[in-house]
């Protein structure tokens, strides 16, 4: 009897360990680098400043899903040619490529300048890749990039990727919204830009927007752009500089709360569980 009990307890322990070791959402490892690379021995002639901090998916219960998600993330962080390399070599290989390009593009120009010329070839490339929502159904990944290659200013962009953890595929607007959603969703995005400007007014000394027609937003360009991230509160759309407004207005982020978009969502979509968790009004 004691032997059977020991065997039973051992079986329960093994089963428990198996399920506890099974990764039920995406596990990542961080890879980073902060370094400056000079164009020549004369450090005043310019440098390439790199600041890279990215999370790379390394573990998930379904290896095919993990492979698909990793490939999408690596492609958008670096390039599709990098998917074949090990995680530990990604940042160093990307750095080498950036430094090589920087020097090949600028050394010929530097050689044409005489020693009295004070012009400097200063470039920057900042890259951040990070996890957002991560549970048993959805994994959300964001990429922020700032690139400066001379001129009046650099360009900062943010892009997001929402993954279905059953398939490893990205979740598109058509996966979430009913047919012919574009016009109604566009109108809601415009309303939320105005509403959020009033919410900002409560905490900051800035004038709220009363009408988009009175601003420098390009109102005809404000429409669903596929660049969104799913959160506990709703769907967050992000518009990068020059997308819906001049550069000086920067990025525009708009939260569409679930209670405002319920009528537009497909029944039983992958985000239905998030909609159901919202407090009843």
Protein backbone atom coordinates (compact mmCIF):
# COMPACT_ATOMS: atom_id res chain seq x y z
CA UNK A 1 0.00 0.00 0.00
CA UNK A 2 2.81 2.36 0.89
CA UNK A 3 4.54 1.56 -2.40
CA UNK A 4 1.39 2.45 -4.39
CA UNK A 5 1.05 5.71 -2.44
CA UNK A 6 4.66 6.65 -3.18
CA UNK A 7 4.18 5.89 -6.88
CA UNK A 8 0.99 7.96 -6.95
CA UNK A 9 2.68 10.92 -5.25
CA UNK A 10 5.64 10.64 -7.61
CA UNK A 11 3.30 10.69 -10.64
CA UNK A 12 1.49 13.76 -9.32
CA UNK A 13 4.83 15.51 -8.76
CA UNK A 14 6.05 14.73 -12.28
CA UNK A 15 2.74 15.91 -13.79
CA UNK A 16 2.87 19.10 -11.74
CA UNK A 17 6.43 19.82 -12.82
CA UNK A 18 5.55 19.23 -16.47
CA UNK A 19 2.69 21.71 -16.47
CA UNK A 20 4.59 24.29 -14.43
CA UNK A 21 7.48 24.14 -16.93
CA UNK A 22 5.21 24.54 -19.94
CA UNK A 23 5.45 28.17 -21.05
CA UNK A 24 1.83 29.38 -21.37
CA UNK A 25 2.75 32.75 -22.79
CA UNK A 26 5.81 34.15 -24.54
CA UNK A 27 9.05 34.29 -22.60
CA UNK A 28 11.70 36.73 -23.81
CA UNK A 29 15.34 37.57 -23.28
CA UNK A 30 16.73 41.09 -23.44
CA UNK A 31 19.59 41.98 -25.75
CA UNK A 32 21.12 45.43 -25.61
CA UNK A 33 24.01 47.63 -26.65
CA UNK A 34 24.95 51.27 -26.04
CA UNK A 35 28.00 52.38 -28.00
CA UNK A 36 29.47 55.20 -30.06
CA UNK A 37 31.51 54.55 -33.22
CA UNK A 38 33.67 57.34 -34.60
CA UNK A 39 34.05 58.10 -38.27
CA UNK A 40 37.79 58.72 -38.02
CA UNK A 41 40.62 59.11 -35.51
CA UNK A 42 39.59 62.74 -35.23
CA UNK A 43 36.56 62.22 -32.97
CA UNK A 44 35.30 65.71 -33.73
CA UNK A 45 34.50 64.64 -37.30
CA UNK A 46 31.47 62.70 -36.21
CA UNK A 47 30.18 59.48 -34.77
CA UNK A 48 27.37 56.97 -34.96
CA UNK A 49 25.59 56.65 -31.61
CA UNK A 50 23.72 53.38 -31.08
CA UNK A 51 21.29 52.56 -28.30
CA UNK A 52 19.67 49.16 -28.79
CA UNK A 53 17.47 47.41 -26.23
CA UNK A 54 15.25 44.64 -27.53
CA UNK A 55 13.35 41.67 -26.17
CA UNK A 56 13.63 38.48 -28.24
CA UNK A 57 11.05 35.65 -27.87
CA UNK A 58 12.83 32.52 -26.67
CA UNK A 59 10.26 30.16 -25.17
CA UNK A 60 6.64 29.09 -25.68
CA UNK A 61 4.71 25.85 -25.38
CA UNK A 62 4.09 25.63 -29.15
CA UNK A 63 7.43 25.79 -30.96
CA UNK A 64 5.86 26.47 -34.38
CA UNK A 65 3.98 29.46 -32.98
CA UNK A 66 7.15 30.70 -31.29
CA UNK A 67 9.07 30.40 -34.57
CA UNK A 68 6.43 32.37 -36.47
CA UNK A 69 6.27 35.15 -33.87
CA UNK A 70 10.06 35.38 -33.62
CA UNK A 71 10.36 35.62 -37.42
CA UNK A 72 7.88 38.52 -37.58
CA UNK A 73 9.58 40.38 -34.74
CA UNK A 74 13.14 39.85 -36.01
CA UNK A 75 12.13 40.91 -39.53
CA UNK A 76 10.65 44.18 -38.27
CA UNK A 77 13.45 44.90 -35.81
CA UNK A 78 16.31 44.18 -38.19
CA UNK A 79 15.55 42.48 -41.53
CA UNK A 80 14.18 39.16 -42.72
CA UNK A 81 17.73 37.94 -43.40
CA UNK A 82 18.38 37.99 -39.64
CA UNK A 83 15.84 35.30 -38.78
CA UNK A 84 18.42 32.58 -39.47
CA UNK A 85 20.88 33.87 -36.86
CA UNK A 86 21.05 32.98 -33.18
CA UNK A 87 19.54 35.37 -30.67
CA UNK A 88 22.93 36.08 -29.11
CA UNK A 89 24.40 37.30 -32.40
CA UNK A 90 21.53 39.51 -33.61
CA UNK A 91 22.54 42.81 -32.02
CA UNK A 92 26.22 42.49 -32.89
CA UNK A 93 25.45 41.63 -36.52
CA UNK A 94 23.00 44.51 -36.81
CA UNK A 95 25.52 46.85 -35.22
CA UNK A 96 28.22 45.81 -37.67
CA UNK A 97 25.88 46.48 -40.59
CA UNK A 98 24.94 49.94 -39.31
CA UNK A 99 28.56 50.91 -38.65
CA UNK A 100 29.67 49.67 -42.08
CA UNK A 101 26.90 51.62 -43.82
CA UNK A 102 27.67 54.74 -41.77
CA UNK A 103 31.33 54.70 -42.71
CA UNK A 104 30.84 53.78 -46.36
CA UNK A 105 28.30 56.59 -46.78
CA UNK A 106 30.28 59.29 -44.99
CA UNK A 107 34.01 58.59 -45.42
CA UNK A 108 34.02 59.70 -49.11
CA UNK A 109 32.40 63.00 -48.09
CA UNK A 110 34.83 63.45 -45.20
CA UNK A 111 37.81 62.97 -47.52
CA UNK A 112 36.65 65.87 -49.68
CA UNK A 113 36.67 68.33 -46.78
CA UNK A 114 39.83 70.18 -45.87
CA UNK A 115 41.22 70.15 -42.33
CA UNK A 116 39.69 73.54 -41.47
CA UNK A 117 36.14 72.43 -42.14
CA UNK A 118 34.20 71.98 -38.90
CA UNK A 119 31.34 69.94 -40.33
CA UNK A 120 30.60 66.76 -38.34
CA UNK A 121 28.85 63.61 -39.54
CA UNK A 122 26.83 62.73 -36.46
CA UNK A 123 24.23 59.98 -36.80
CA UNK A 124 22.01 58.21 -34.29
CA UNK A 125 20.07 54.98 -34.28
CA UNK A 126 18.00 54.12 -31.21
CA UNK A 127 15.99 50.89 -31.26
CA UNK A 128 13.70 49.47 -28.61
CA UNK A 129 11.63 46.28 -28.85
CA UNK A 130 9.36 45.37 -25.95
CA UNK A 131 6.46 43.20 -24.84
CA UNK A 132 3.12 44.73 -23.93
CA UNK A 133 0.05 42.56 -23.36
CA UNK A 134 1.10 38.96 -22.78
CA UNK A 135 -1.34 36.26 -21.66
CA UNK A 136 -2.57 32.84 -22.81
CA UNK A 137 -4.35 34.18 -25.91
CA UNK A 138 -2.59 37.30 -27.15
CA UNK A 139 0.97 38.57 -27.28
CA UNK A 140 1.60 42.21 -28.18
CA UNK A 141 5.00 43.55 -29.21
CA UNK A 142 6.07 47.13 -29.82
CA UNK A 143 9.01 48.62 -31.70
CA UNK A 144 10.23 52.18 -31.19
CA UNK A 145 12.91 53.53 -33.49
CA UNK A 146 14.65 56.89 -33.75
CA UNK A 147 16.98 57.53 -36.67
CA UNK A 148 18.99 60.69 -37.28
CA UNK A 149 21.20 60.90 -40.37
CA UNK A 150 21.87 64.64 -40.44
CA UNK A 151 19.60 67.47 -41.41
CA UNK A 152 17.03 69.41 -39.41
CA UNK A 153 15.75 66.50 -37.35
CA UNK A 154 15.57 62.74 -37.03
CA UNK A 155 12.48 60.58 -37.31
CA UNK A 156 10.88 58.65 -34.49
CA UNK A 157 8.38 55.86 -35.22
CA UNK A 158 6.39 53.35 -33.20
CA UNK A 159 4.90 50.18 -34.66
CA UNK A 160 2.96 47.38 -33.01
CA UNK A 161 2.28 43.70 -33.67
CA UNK A 162 -0.54 41.72 -32.06
CA UNK A 163 -0.19 37.94 -32.20
CA UNK A 164 -2.76 35.17 -31.90
CA UNK A 165 -1.05 32.59 -29.67
CA UNK A 166 -2.98 29.76 -31.28
CA UNK A 167 -1.55 30.38 -34.74
CA UNK A 168 1.40 32.77 -34.36
CA UNK A 169 -0.20 35.06 -36.95
CA UNK A 170 -0.65 38.79 -36.48
CA UNK A 171 -4.14 39.99 -35.65
CA UNK A 172 -5.44 42.39 -38.30
CA UNK A 173 -8.30 44.88 -38.26
CA UNK A 174 -10.32 42.51 -40.44
CA UNK A 175 -9.93 39.83 -37.76
CA UNK A 176 -11.51 42.14 -35.20
CA UNK A 177 -14.04 44.35 -36.94
CA UNK A 178 -17.21 43.65 -38.88
CA UNK A 179 -17.37 44.32 -42.62
CA UNK A 180 -17.47 47.98 -43.72
CA UNK A 181 -16.08 49.22 -40.41
CA UNK A 182 -13.73 51.83 -41.88
CA UNK A 183 -15.94 54.94 -42.00
CA UNK A 184 -17.44 54.51 -38.54
CA UNK A 185 -14.07 53.71 -37.02
CA UNK A 186 -12.50 56.72 -38.74
CA UNK A 187 -15.17 58.98 -37.25
CA UNK A 188 -14.58 57.53 -33.79
CA UNK A 189 -10.81 58.05 -34.05
CA UNK A 190 -11.40 61.72 -34.94
CA UNK A 191 -13.78 62.13 -31.99
CA UNK A 192 -11.30 60.53 -29.63
CA UNK A 193 -8.50 62.87 -30.75
CA UNK A 194 -10.73 65.79 -29.71
CA UNK A 195 -11.86 64.11 -26.47
CA UNK A 196 -8.34 63.17 -25.43
CA UNK A 197 -7.09 66.70 -26.06
CA UNK A 198 -9.69 67.86 -23.50
CA UNK A 199 -8.53 65.18 -21.05
CA UNK A 200 -4.93 66.38 -21.45
CA UNK A 201 -6.09 69.93 -20.73
CA UNK A 202 -7.06 68.81 -17.23
CA UNK A 203 -3.44 67.87 -16.40
CA UNK A 204 -1.39 70.11 -18.68
CA UNK A 205 -1.45 73.73 -19.72
CA UNK A 206 -2.53 73.18 -23.32
CA UNK A 207 -5.52 74.27 -25.32
CA UNK A 208 -8.07 71.52 -26.08
CA UNK A 209 -9.05 70.83 -29.67
CA UNK A 210 -12.55 72.01 -30.47
CA UNK A 211 -12.58 70.98 -34.11
CA UNK A 212 -10.01 69.16 -36.22
CA UNK A 213 -10.74 71.58 -39.02
CA UNK A 214 -9.12 74.30 -36.91
CA UNK A 215 -5.89 72.32 -36.53
CA UNK A 216 -3.04 71.23 -38.79
CA UNK A 217 -4.25 67.63 -38.79
CA UNK A 218 -4.87 66.26 -42.27
CA UNK A 219 -8.42 65.14 -41.51
CA UNK A 220 -8.84 63.12 -44.72
CA UNK A 221 -5.83 61.01 -43.70
CA UNK A 222 -7.24 60.10 -40.28
CA UNK A 223 -8.44 56.54 -40.72
CA UNK A 224 -7.56 53.04 -39.44
CA UNK A 225 -3.92 52.43 -40.40
CA UNK A 226 -3.31 48.91 -39.06
CA UNK A 227 -0.83 50.25 -36.50
CA UNK A 228 -2.53 49.46 -33.20
CA UNK A 229 -1.95 47.57 -29.99
CA UNK A 230 -4.47 45.66 -27.93
CA UNK A 231 -4.59 46.48 -24.21
CA UNK A 232 -6.81 45.73 -21.22
CA UNK A 233 -8.63 49.03 -21.77
CA UNK A 234 -9.19 48.98 -25.51
CA UNK A 235 -7.52 49.24 -28.91
CA UNK A 236 -4.83 51.90 -29.14
CA UNK A 237 -4.08 53.40 -32.56
CA UNK A 238 -0.75 55.10 -33.21
CA UNK A 239 -0.05 57.51 -36.06
CA UNK A 240 3.58 58.37 -36.74
CA UNK A 241 4.93 61.79 -37.85
CA UNK A 242 3.83 62.86 -41.34
CA UNK A 243 1.05 60.26 -41.35
CA UNK A 244 -1.90 62.45 -40.36
CA UNK A 245 -0.15 65.73 -39.51
CA UNK A 246 3.06 67.74 -39.99
CA UNK A 247 6.22 66.64 -38.19
CA UNK A 248 5.93 69.21 -35.39
CA UNK A 249 2.76 67.56 -34.06
CA UNK A 250 4.72 64.37 -33.48
CA UNK A 251 3.03 61.04 -32.91
CA UNK A 252 -0.67 60.79 -32.21
CA UNK A 253 -1.94 57.95 -30.03
CA UNK A 254 -5.66 57.33 -29.66
CA UNK A 255 -7.31 54.93 -27.21
CA UNK A 256 -10.60 53.43 -28.37
CA UNK A 257 -12.21 51.99 -25.21
CA UNK A 258 -13.98 48.66 -25.65
CA UNK A 259 -17.35 50.13 -24.68
CA UNK A 260 -17.05 52.56 -27.63
CA UNK A 261 -16.24 49.90 -30.24
CA UNK A 262 -18.36 46.94 -29.10
CA UNK A 263 -20.87 47.44 -31.90
CA UNK A 264 -18.07 47.34 -34.49
CA UNK A 265 -16.43 44.14 -33.26
CA UNK A 266 -17.07 40.73 -34.73
CA UNK A 267 -18.94 38.41 -32.36
CA UNK A 268 -16.64 36.00 -30.50
CA UNK A 269 -13.46 37.64 -31.79
CA UNK A 270 -10.16 36.86 -30.11
CA UNK A 271 -10.48 39.97 -27.90
CA UNK A 272 -14.00 39.16 -26.66
CA UNK A 273 -12.62 38.06 -23.27
CA UNK A 274 -11.09 41.52 -22.82
CA UNK A 275 -14.39 43.18 -23.73
CA UNK A 276 -16.23 40.97 -21.22
CA UNK A 277 -13.83 41.99 -18.43
CA UNK A 278 -14.81 45.65 -18.70
CA UNK A 279 -16.82 47.01 -15.75
CA UNK A 280 -20.55 47.26 -16.38
CA UNK A 281 -21.73 50.85 -16.71
